[in-house]
PDB file of N, CA and C in Angstrom:
ATOM      1  N   MET A   1      -0.552 -15.182  17.759  1.00  0.00           N
ATOM      2  CA  MET A   1       0.585 -16.048  17.958  1.00  0.00           C
ATOM      3  C   MET A   1       0.444 -16.857  19.239  1.00  0.00           C
ATOM      4  N   PHE A   2      -0.483 -16.488  20.101  1.00  0.00           N
ATOM      5  CA  PHE A   2      -0.670 -17.203  21.347  1.00  0.00           C
ATOM      6  C   PHE A   2      -2.007 -17.921  21.310  1.00  0.00           C
ATOM      7  N   THR A   3      -1.948 -19.224  21.548  1.00  0.00           N
ATOM      8  CA  THR A   3      -3.170 -20.019  21.533  1.00  0.00           C
ATOM      9  C   THR A   3      -3.273 -20.854  22.800  1.00  0.00           C
ATOM     10  N   SER A   4      -4.481 -21.303  23.056  1.00  0.00           N
ATOM     11  CA  SER A   4      -4.716 -22.219  24.166  1.00  0.00           C
ATOM     12  C   SER A   4      -4.216 -23.608  23.776  1.00  0.00           C
ATOM     13  N   GLU A   5      -4.265 -24.528  24.706  1.00  0.00           N
ATOM     14  CA  GLU A   5      -3.863 -25.905  24.404  1.00  0.00           C
ATOM     15  C   GLU A   5      -4.744 -26.510  23.310  1.00  0.00           C
ATOM     16  N   ALA A   6      -5.979 -26.003  23.187  1.00  0.00           N
ATOM     17  CA  ALA A   6      -6.894 -26.496  22.163  1.00  0.00           C
ATOM     18  C   ALA A   6      -6.658 -25.822  20.810  1.00  0.00           C
ATOM     19  N   GLY A   7      -5.766 -24.813  20.790  1.00  0.00           N
ATOM     20  CA  GLY A   7      -5.458 -24.129  19.536  1.00  0.00           C
ATOM     21  C   GLY A   7      -6.304 -22.904  19.264  1.00  0.00           C
ATOM     22  N   THR A   8      -7.143 -22.526  20.214  1.00  0.00           N
ATOM     23  CA  THR A   8      -7.966 -21.334  20.026  1.00  0.00           C
ATOM     24  C   THR A   8      -7.187 -20.091  20.466  1.00  0.00           C
ATOM     25  N   PRO A   9      -7.458 -18.946  19.831  1.00  0.00           N
ATOM     26  CA  PRO A   9      -6.724 -17.729  20.186  1.00  0.00           C
ATOM     27  C   PRO A   9      -7.006 -17.301  21.626  1.00  0.00           C
ATOM     28  N   LEU A  10      -5.972 -16.789  22.284  1.00  0.00           N
ATOM     29  CA  LEU A  10      -6.138 -16.254  23.629  1.00  0.00           C
ATOM     30  C   LEU A  10      -6.551 -14.791  23.545  1.00  0.00           C
ATOM     31  N   ASP A  11      -7.254 -14.315  24.551  1.00  0.00           N
ATOM     32  CA  ASP A  11      -7.638 -12.913  24.626  1.00  0.00           C
ATOM     33  C   ASP A  11      -6.362 -12.071  24.723  1.00  0.00           C
ATOM     34  N   PRO A  12      -6.172 -11.111  23.820  1.00  0.00           N
ATOM     35  CA  PRO A  12      -4.943 -10.308  23.815  1.00  0.00           C
ATOM     36  C   PRO A  12      -4.657  -9.605  25.144  1.00  0.00           C
ATOM     37  N   ARG A  13      -5.701  -9.172  25.842  1.00  0.00           N
ATOM     38  CA  ARG A  13      -5.474  -8.501  27.133  1.00  0.00           C
ATOM     39  C   ARG A  13      -4.874  -9.464  28.146  1.00  0.00           C
ATOM     40  N   ASN A  14      -5.349 -10.695  28.152  1.00  0.00           N
ATOM     41  CA  ASN A  14      -4.803 -11.678  29.086  1.00  0.00           C
ATOM     42  C   ASN A  14      -3.345 -11.980  28.772  1.00  0.00           C
ATOM     43  N   VAL A  15      -3.023 -12.070  27.495  1.00  0.00           N
ATOM     44  CA  VAL A  15      -1.639 -12.320  27.091  1.00  0.00           C
ATOM     45  C   VAL A  15      -0.761 -11.152  27.524  1.00  0.00           C
ATOM     46  N   SER A  16      -1.233  -9.932  27.323  1.00  0.00           N
ATOM     47  CA  SER A  16      -0.461  -8.745  27.710  1.00  0.00           C
ATOM     48  C   SER A  16      -0.197  -8.719  29.208  1.00  0.00           C
ATOM     49  N   HIS A  17      -1.219  -8.996  30.004  1.00  0.00           N
ATOM     50  CA  HIS A  17      -1.051  -9.007  31.458  1.00  0.00           C
ATOM     51  C   HIS A  17      -0.073 -10.097  31.885  1.00  0.00           C
ATOM     52  N   TRP A  18      -0.205 -11.278  31.291  1.00  0.00           N
ATOM     53  CA  TRP A  18       0.705 -12.381  31.603  1.00  0.00           C
ATOM     54  C   TRP A  18       2.138 -11.997  31.251  1.00  0.00           C
ATOM     55  N   PHE A  19       2.344 -11.420  30.067  1.00  0.00           N
ATOM     56  CA  PHE A  19       3.686 -11.066  29.619  1.00  0.00           C
ATOM     57  C   PHE A  19       4.295 -10.000  30.530  1.00  0.00           C
ATOM     58  N   GLU A  20       3.514  -9.024  30.924  1.00  0.00           N
ATOM     59  CA  GLU A  20       4.017  -7.977  31.827  1.00  0.00           C
ATOM     60  C   GLU A  20       4.491  -8.579  33.145  1.00  0.00           C
ATOM     61  N   ARG A  21       3.765  -9.559  33.659  1.00  0.00           N
ATOM     62  CA  ARG A  21       4.184 -10.230  34.907  1.00  0.00           C
ATOM     63  C   ARG A  21       5.475 -11.004  34.705  1.00  0.00           C
ATOM     64  N   VAL A  22       5.574 -11.715  33.591  1.00  0.00           N
ATOM     65  CA  VAL A  22       6.769 -12.507  33.310  1.00  0.00           C
ATOM     66  C   VAL A  22       7.994 -11.607  33.212  1.00  0.00           C
ATOM     67  N   VAL A  23       7.863 -10.509  32.479  1.00  0.00           N
ATOM     68  CA  VAL A  23       8.979  -9.571  32.308  1.00  0.00           C
ATOM     69  C   VAL A  23       9.366  -8.967  33.663  1.00  0.00           C
ATOM     70  N   ARG A  24       8.383  -8.554  34.417  1.00  0.00           N
ATOM     71  CA  ARG A  24       8.649  -7.952  35.730  1.00  0.00           C
ATOM     72  C   ARG A  24       9.330  -8.958  36.656  1.00  0.00           C
ATOM     73  N   ASP A  25       8.807 -10.180  36.720  1.00  0.00           N
ATOM     74  CA  ASP A  25       9.375 -11.208  37.596  1.00  0.00           C
ATOM     75  C   ASP A  25      10.789 -11.601  37.177  1.00  0.00           C
ATOM     76  N   ALA A  26      11.056 -11.578  35.884  1.00  0.00           N
ATOM     77  CA  ALA A  26      12.386 -11.927  35.379  1.00  0.00           C
ATOM     78  C   ALA A  26      13.350 -10.753  35.477  1.00  0.00           C
ATOM     79  N   GLN A  27      12.827  -9.592  35.811  1.00  0.00           N
ATOM     80  CA  GLN A  27      13.619  -8.365  35.929  1.00  0.00           C
ATOM     81  C   GLN A  27      14.392  -8.068  34.639  1.00  0.00           C
ATOM     82  N   VAL A  28      13.669  -8.183  33.524  1.00  0.00           N
ATOM     83  CA  VAL A  28      14.237  -7.843  32.223  1.00  0.00           C
ATOM     84  C   VAL A  28      13.339  -6.792  31.574  1.00  0.00           C
ATOM     85  N   THR A  29      13.848  -6.214  30.504  1.00  0.00           N
ATOM     86  CA  THR A  29      13.038  -5.262  29.765  1.00  0.00           C
ATOM     87  C   THR A  29      12.586  -5.904  28.465  1.00  0.00           C
ATOM     88  N   GLY A  30      11.545  -5.407  27.933  1.00  0.00           N
ATOM     89  CA  GLY A  30      11.038  -5.918  26.666  1.00  0.00           C
ATOM     90  C   GLY A  30       9.548  -5.704  26.600  1.00  0.00           C
ATOM     91  N   SER A  31       9.040  -5.879  25.426  1.00  0.00           N
ATOM     92  CA  SER A  31       7.605  -5.708  25.226  1.00  0.00           C
ATOM     93  C   SER A  31       7.095  -6.860  24.384  1.00  0.00           C
ATOM     94  N   LEU A  32       5.821  -7.023  24.423  1.00  0.00           N
ATOM     95  CA  LEU A  32       5.186  -8.056  23.610  1.00  0.00           C
ATOM     96  C   LEU A  32       5.403  -7.757  22.128  1.00  0.00           C
ATOM     97  N   HIS A  33       5.400  -6.470  21.789  1.00  0.00           N
ATOM     98  CA  HIS A  33       5.649  -6.089  20.397  1.00  0.00           C
ATOM     99  C   HIS A  33       7.056  -6.508  19.969  1.00  0.00           C
ATOM    100  N   THR A  34       8.039  -6.319  20.837  1.00  0.00           N
ATOM    101  CA  THR A  34       9.413  -6.728  20.526  1.00  0.00           C
ATOM    102  C   THR A  34       9.493  -8.239  20.359  1.00  0.00           C
ATOM    103  N   LEU A  35       8.802  -8.971  21.207  1.00  0.00           N
ATOM    104  CA  LEU A  35       8.783 -10.431  21.107  1.00  0.00           C
ATOM    105  C   LEU A  35       8.155 -10.863  19.785  1.00  0.00           C
ATOM    106  N   ARG A  36       7.083 -10.217  19.385  1.00  0.00           N
ATOM    107  CA  ARG A  36       6.417 -10.517  18.118  1.00  0.00           C
ATOM    108  C   ARG A  36       7.366 -10.261  16.947  1.00  0.00           C
ATOM    109  N   HIS A  37       8.026  -9.102  16.967  1.00  0.00           N
ATOM    110  CA  HIS A  37       8.948  -8.752  15.896  1.00  0.00           C
ATOM    111  C   HIS A  37      10.107  -9.757  15.830  1.00  0.00           C
ATOM    112  N   THR A  38      10.618 -10.149  16.987  1.00  0.00           N
ATOM    113  CA  THR A  38      11.705 -11.123  17.033  1.00  0.00           C
ATOM    114  C   THR A  38      11.260 -12.461  16.448  1.00  0.00           C
ATOM    115  N   ALA A  39      10.066 -12.903  16.802  1.00  0.00           N
ATOM    116  CA  ALA A  39       9.558 -14.185  16.297  1.00  0.00           C
ATOM    117  C   ALA A  39       9.381 -14.142  14.781  1.00  0.00           C
ATOM    118  N   LEU A  40       8.804 -13.063  14.275  1.00  0.00           N
ATOM    119  CA  LEU A  40       8.582 -12.951  12.833  1.00  0.00           C
ATOM    120  C   LEU A  40       9.905 -12.831  12.073  1.00  0.00           C
ATOM    121  N   THR A  41      10.860 -12.104  12.644  1.00  0.00           N
ATOM    122  CA  THR A  41      12.186 -12.002  12.027  1.00  0.00           C
ATOM    123  C   THR A  41      12.858 -13.363  11.994  1.00  0.00           C
ATOM    124  N   ALA A  42      12.759 -14.113  13.085  1.00  0.00           N
ATOM    125  CA  ALA A  42      13.364 -15.452  13.141  1.00  0.00           C
ATOM    126  C   ALA A  42      12.765 -16.356  12.070  1.00  0.00           C
ATOM    127  N   MET A  43      11.464 -16.249  11.846  1.00  0.00           N
ATOM    128  CA  MET A  43      10.827 -17.039  10.791  1.00  0.00           C
ATOM    129  C   MET A  43      11.408 -16.672   9.427  1.00  0.00           C
ATOM    130  N   ALA A  44      11.529 -15.379   9.167  1.00  0.00           N
ATOM    131  CA  ALA A  44      12.056 -14.933   7.875  1.00  0.00           C
ATOM    132  C   ALA A  44      13.502 -15.372   7.689  1.00  0.00           C
ATOM    133  N   VAL A  45      14.316 -15.252   8.740  1.00  0.00           N
ATOM    134  CA  VAL A  45      15.723 -15.670   8.665  1.00  0.00           C
ATOM    135  C   VAL A  45      15.824 -17.169   8.431  1.00  0.00           C
ATOM    136  N   ALA A  46      14.901 -17.923   9.006  1.00  0.00           N
ATOM    137  CA  ALA A  46      14.907 -19.385   8.860  1.00  0.00           C
ATOM    138  C   ALA A  46      14.450 -19.827   7.475  1.00  0.00           C
ATOM    139  N   GLY A  47      14.032 -18.868   6.652  1.00  0.00           N
ATOM    140  CA  GLY A  47      13.629 -19.215   5.300  1.00  0.00           C
ATOM    141  C   GLY A  47      12.153 -19.501   5.125  1.00  0.00           C
ATOM    142  N   VAL A  48      11.362 -19.209   6.153  1.00  0.00           N
ATOM    143  CA  VAL A  48       9.916 -19.382   6.010  1.00  0.00           C
ATOM    144  C   VAL A  48       9.450 -18.381   4.948  1.00  0.00           C
ATOM    145  N   PRO A  49       8.697 -18.825   3.960  1.00  0.00           N
ATOM    146  CA  PRO A  49       8.238 -17.895   2.925  1.00  0.00           C
ATOM    147  C   PRO A  49       7.508 -16.692   3.536  1.00  0.00           C
ATOM    148  N   LEU A  50       7.771 -15.504   2.974  1.00  0.00           N
ATOM    149  CA  LEU A  50       7.149 -14.304   3.526  1.00  0.00           C
ATOM    150  C   LEU A  50       5.625 -14.360   3.457  1.00  0.00           C
ATOM    151  N   SER A  51       5.078 -15.129   2.536  1.00  0.00           N
ATOM    152  CA  SER A  51       3.624 -15.272   2.494  1.00  0.00           C
ATOM    153  C   SER A  51       3.118 -15.965   3.760  1.00  0.00           C
ATOM    154  N   VAL A  52       3.899 -16.916   4.266  1.00  0.00           N
ATOM    155  CA  VAL A  52       3.527 -17.618   5.501  1.00  0.00           C
ATOM    156  C   VAL A  52       3.735 -16.708   6.706  1.00  0.00           C
ATOM    157  N   VAL A  53       4.870 -16.004   6.731  1.00  0.00           N
ATOM    158  CA  VAL A  53       5.134 -15.053   7.823  1.00  0.00           C
ATOM    159  C   VAL A  53       4.001 -14.029   7.882  1.00  0.00           C
ATOM    160  N   SER A  54       3.557 -13.580   6.725  1.00  0.00           N
ATOM    161  CA  SER A  54       2.474 -12.606   6.651  1.00  0.00           C
ATOM    162  C   SER A  54       1.190 -13.150   7.265  1.00  0.00           C
ATOM    163  N   ARG A  55       0.885 -14.409   6.977  1.00  0.00           N
ATOM    164  CA  ARG A  55      -0.328 -15.021   7.545  1.00  0.00           C
ATOM    165  C   ARG A  55      -0.225 -15.151   9.050  1.00  0.00           C
ATOM    166  N   VAL A  56       0.952 -15.573   9.529  1.00  0.00           N
ATOM    167  CA  VAL A  56       1.147 -15.707  10.972  1.00  0.00           C
ATOM    168  C   VAL A  56       1.013 -14.339  11.650  1.00  0.00           C
ATOM    169  N   ALA A  57       1.557 -13.315  10.996  1.00  0.00           N
ATOM    170  CA  ALA A  57       1.514 -11.965  11.552  1.00  0.00           C
ATOM    171  C   ALA A  57       0.108 -11.372  11.521  1.00  0.00           C
ATOM    172  N   GLY A  58      -0.726 -11.904  10.626  1.00  0.00           N
ATOM    173  CA  GLY A  58      -2.067 -11.363  10.493  1.00  0.00           C
ATOM    174  C   GLY A  58      -2.098 -10.074   9.690  1.00  0.00           C
ATOM    175  N   HIS A  59      -1.082  -9.860   8.861  1.00  0.00           N
ATOM    176  CA  HIS A  59      -1.058  -8.657   8.040  1.00  0.00           C
ATOM    177  C   HIS A  59      -2.143  -8.723   6.970  1.00  0.00           C
ATOM    178  N   GLU A  60      -2.750  -7.599   6.690  1.00  0.00           N
ATOM    179  CA  GLU A  60      -3.781  -7.512   5.652  1.00  0.00           C
ATOM    180  C   GLU A  60      -3.200  -7.830   4.285  1.00  0.00           C
ATOM    181  N   SER A  61      -1.942  -7.436   4.091  1.00  0.00           N
ATOM    182  CA  SER A  61      -1.302  -7.586   2.794  1.00  0.00           C
ATOM    183  C   SER A  61       0.135  -8.051   2.979  1.00  0.00           C
ATOM    184  N   ILE A  62       0.608  -8.881   2.068  1.00  0.00           N
ATOM    185  CA  ILE A  62       2.006  -9.319   2.132  1.00  0.00           C
ATOM    186  C   ILE A  62       2.954  -8.140   1.936  1.00  0.00           C
ATOM    187  N   THR A  63       2.458  -7.065   1.341  1.00  0.00           N
ATOM    188  CA  THR A  63       3.281  -5.865   1.161  1.00  0.00           C
ATOM    189  C   THR A  63       3.764  -5.337   2.502  1.00  0.00           C
ATOM    190  N   THR A  64       2.917  -5.361   3.498  1.00  0.00           N
ATOM    191  CA  THR A  64       3.316  -4.932   4.837  1.00  0.00           C
ATOM    192  C   THR A  64       4.452  -5.799   5.350  1.00  0.00           C
ATOM    193  N   THR A  65       4.330  -7.090   5.172  1.00  0.00           N
ATOM    194  CA  THR A  65       5.354  -8.032   5.621  1.00  0.00           C
ATOM    195  C   THR A  65       6.664  -7.785   4.886  1.00  0.00           C
ATOM    196  N   ILE A  66       6.581  -7.583   3.588  1.00  0.00           N
ATOM    197  CA  ILE A  66       7.785  -7.335   2.794  1.00  0.00           C
ATOM    198  C   ILE A  66       8.450  -6.042   3.240  1.00  0.00           C
ATOM    199  N   ASP A  67       7.652  -5.006   3.508  1.00  0.00           N
ATOM    200  CA  ASP A  67       8.213  -3.739   3.971  1.00  0.00           C
ATOM    201  C   ASP A  67       8.956  -3.905   5.296  1.00  0.00           C
ATOM    202  N   LEU A  68       8.416  -4.739   6.184  1.00  0.00           N
ATOM    203  CA  LEU A  68       9.014  -4.904   7.516  1.00  0.00           C
ATOM    204  C   LEU A  68      10.128  -5.945   7.562  1.00  0.00           C
ATOM    205  N   TYR A  69       9.989  -7.023   6.790  1.00  0.00           N
ATOM    206  CA  TYR A  69      10.912  -8.146   6.921  1.00  0.00           C
ATOM    207  C   TYR A  69      11.619  -8.529   5.624  1.00  0.00           C
ATOM    208  N   GLY A  70      11.377  -7.773   4.559  1.00  0.00           N
ATOM    209  CA  GLY A  70      11.972  -8.077   3.264  1.00  0.00           C
ATOM    210  C   GLY A  70      13.484  -8.044   3.274  1.00  0.00           C
ATOM    211  N   HIS A  71      14.059  -7.152   4.086  1.00  0.00           N
ATOM    212  CA  HIS A  71      15.525  -7.070   4.152  1.00  0.00           C
ATOM    213  C   HIS A  71      16.133  -8.371   4.651  1.00  0.00           C
ATOM    214  N   VAL A  72      15.405  -9.068   5.486  1.00  0.00           N
ATOM    215  CA  VAL A  72      15.893 -10.339   6.013  1.00  0.00           C
ATOM    216  C   VAL A  72      15.954 -11.370   4.893  1.00  0.00           C
ATOM    217  N   SER A  73      14.942 -11.374   4.042  1.00  0.00           N
ATOM    218  CA  SER A  73      14.905 -12.368   2.979  1.00  0.00           C
ATOM    219  C   SER A  73      15.927 -12.071   1.878  1.00  0.00           C
ATOM    220  N   GLU A  74      16.394 -10.822   1.785  1.00  0.00           N
ATOM    221  CA  GLU A  74      17.420 -10.489   0.797  1.00  0.00           C
ATOM    222  C   GLU A  74      18.700 -11.278   1.053  1.00  0.00           C
ATOM    223  N   SER A  75      19.109 -11.385   2.310  1.00  0.00           N
ATOM    224  CA  SER A  75      20.316 -12.161   2.615  1.00  0.00           C
ATOM    225  C   SER A  75      20.073 -13.639   2.330  1.00  0.00           C
ATOM    226  N   ALA A  76      18.869 -14.115   2.602  1.00  0.00           N
ATOM    227  CA  ALA A  76      18.543 -15.507   2.295  1.00  0.00           C
ATOM    228  C   ALA A  76      18.562 -15.727   0.785  1.00  0.00           C
ATOM    229  N   ALA A  77      18.097 -14.733   0.034  1.00  0.00           N
ATOM    230  CA  ALA A  77      18.113 -14.844  -1.425  1.00  0.00           C
ATOM    231  C   ALA A  77      19.548 -14.905  -1.939  1.00  0.00           C
ATOM    232  N   ARG A  78      20.430 -14.089  -1.380  1.00  0.00           N
ATOM    233  CA  ARG A  78      21.847 -14.126  -1.782  1.00  0.00           C
ATOM    234  C   ARG A  78      22.451 -15.493  -1.484  1.00  0.00           C
ATOM    235  N   ASP A  79      22.132 -16.030  -0.317  1.00  0.00           N
ATOM    236  CA  ASP A  79      22.637 -17.358   0.049  1.00  0.00           C
ATOM    237  C   ASP A  79      22.111 -18.419  -0.916  1.00  0.00           C
ATOM    238  N   ALA A  80      20.846 -18.302  -1.317  1.00  0.00           N
ATOM    239  CA  ALA A  80      20.246 -19.265  -2.247  1.00  0.00           C
ATOM    240  C   ALA A  80      20.934 -19.198  -3.607  1.00  0.00           C
ATOM    241  N   VAL A  81      21.213 -17.996  -4.088  1.00  0.00           N
ATOM    242  CA  VAL A  81      21.888 -17.839  -5.377  1.00  0.00           C
ATOM    243  C   VAL A  81      23.297 -18.412  -5.297  1.00  0.00           C
ATOM    244  N   ALA A  82      24.001 -18.150  -4.202  1.00  0.00           N
ATOM    245  CA  ALA A  82      25.353 -18.681  -4.031  1.00  0.00           C
ATOM    246  C   ALA A  82      25.333 -20.209  -3.994  1.00  0.00           C
ATOM    247  N   ALA A  83      24.353 -20.791  -3.328  1.00  0.00           N
ATOM    248  CA  ALA A  83      24.240 -22.238  -3.256  1.00  0.00           C
ATOM    249  C   ALA A  83      23.964 -22.826  -4.638  1.00  0.00           C
ATOM    250  N   ALA A  84      23.084 -22.186  -5.402  1.00  0.00           N
ATOM    251  CA  ALA A  84      22.785 -22.665  -6.753  1.00  0.00           C
ATOM    252  C   ALA A  84      24.016 -22.554  -7.623  1.00  0.00           C
ATOM    253  N   ALA A  85      24.759 -21.460  -7.524  1.00  0.00           N
ATOM    254  CA  ALA A  85      25.979 -21.287  -8.311  1.00  0.00           C
ATOM    255  C   ALA A  85      26.984 -22.367  -7.963  1.00  0.00           C
ATOM    256  N   ALA A  86      27.116 -22.676  -6.693  1.00  0.00           N
ATOM    257  CA  ALA A  86      28.056 -23.723  -6.269  1.00  0.00           C
ATOM    258  C   ALA A  86      27.659 -25.076  -6.858  1.00  0.00           C
ATOM    259  N   GLN A  87      26.368 -25.371  -6.857  1.00  0.00           N
ATOM    260  CA  GLN A  87      25.890 -26.629  -7.418  1.00  0.00           C
ATOM    261  C   GLN A  87      26.164 -26.742  -8.910  1.00  0.00           C
ATOM    262  N   LEU A  88      26.154 -25.595  -9.580  1.00  0.00           N
ATOM    263  CA  LEU A  88      26.394 -25.562 -11.010  1.00  0.00           C
ATOM    264  C   LEU A  88      27.872 -25.389 -11.356  1.00  0.00           C
ATOM    265  N   GLY A  89      28.699 -25.309 -10.311  1.00  0.00           N
ATOM    266  CA  GLY A  89      30.136 -25.158 -10.544  1.00  0.00           C
ATOM    267  C   GLY A  89      30.522 -23.762 -11.009  1.00  0.00           C
ATOM    268  N   LEU A  90      29.695 -22.798 -10.729  1.00  0.00           N
ATOM    269  CA  LEU A  90      29.963 -21.413 -11.127  1.00  0.00           C
ATOM    270  C   LEU A  90      30.620 -20.656  -9.980  1.00  0.00           C
ATOM    271  N   PRO A  91      31.391 -19.612 -10.295  1.00  0.00           N
ATOM    272  CA  PRO A  91      31.986 -18.814  -9.208  1.00  0.00           C
ATOM    273  C   PRO A  91      30.898 -18.091  -8.416  1.00  0.00           C
ATOM    274  N   GLY A  92      31.124 -17.990  -7.111  1.00  0.00           N
ATOM    275  CA  GLY A  92      30.167 -17.340  -6.231  1.00  0.00           C
ATOM    276  C   GLY A  92      30.236 -15.897  -6.364  1.00  0.00           C
TER     277      GLY A  92
END
């Protein structure tokens, strides 16, 4: 999820060290793992297809992504069905 200005992946150790300094200097708590989970959840909530979220996450299988973030897409699916029903003049 972290790339250089040229778009190449950054060394994970360097990212971890940088993040630890940022968190310490900001006097907040959190971890890089929490930030990753938050970013992936935000993508799923925003309606990004889970296949895309899976690729961004680097999961071997979309099944992993569905297991972790599928609950988020369920609410999006309900909203999509309600929107379609409204367009068709059906009760929600």
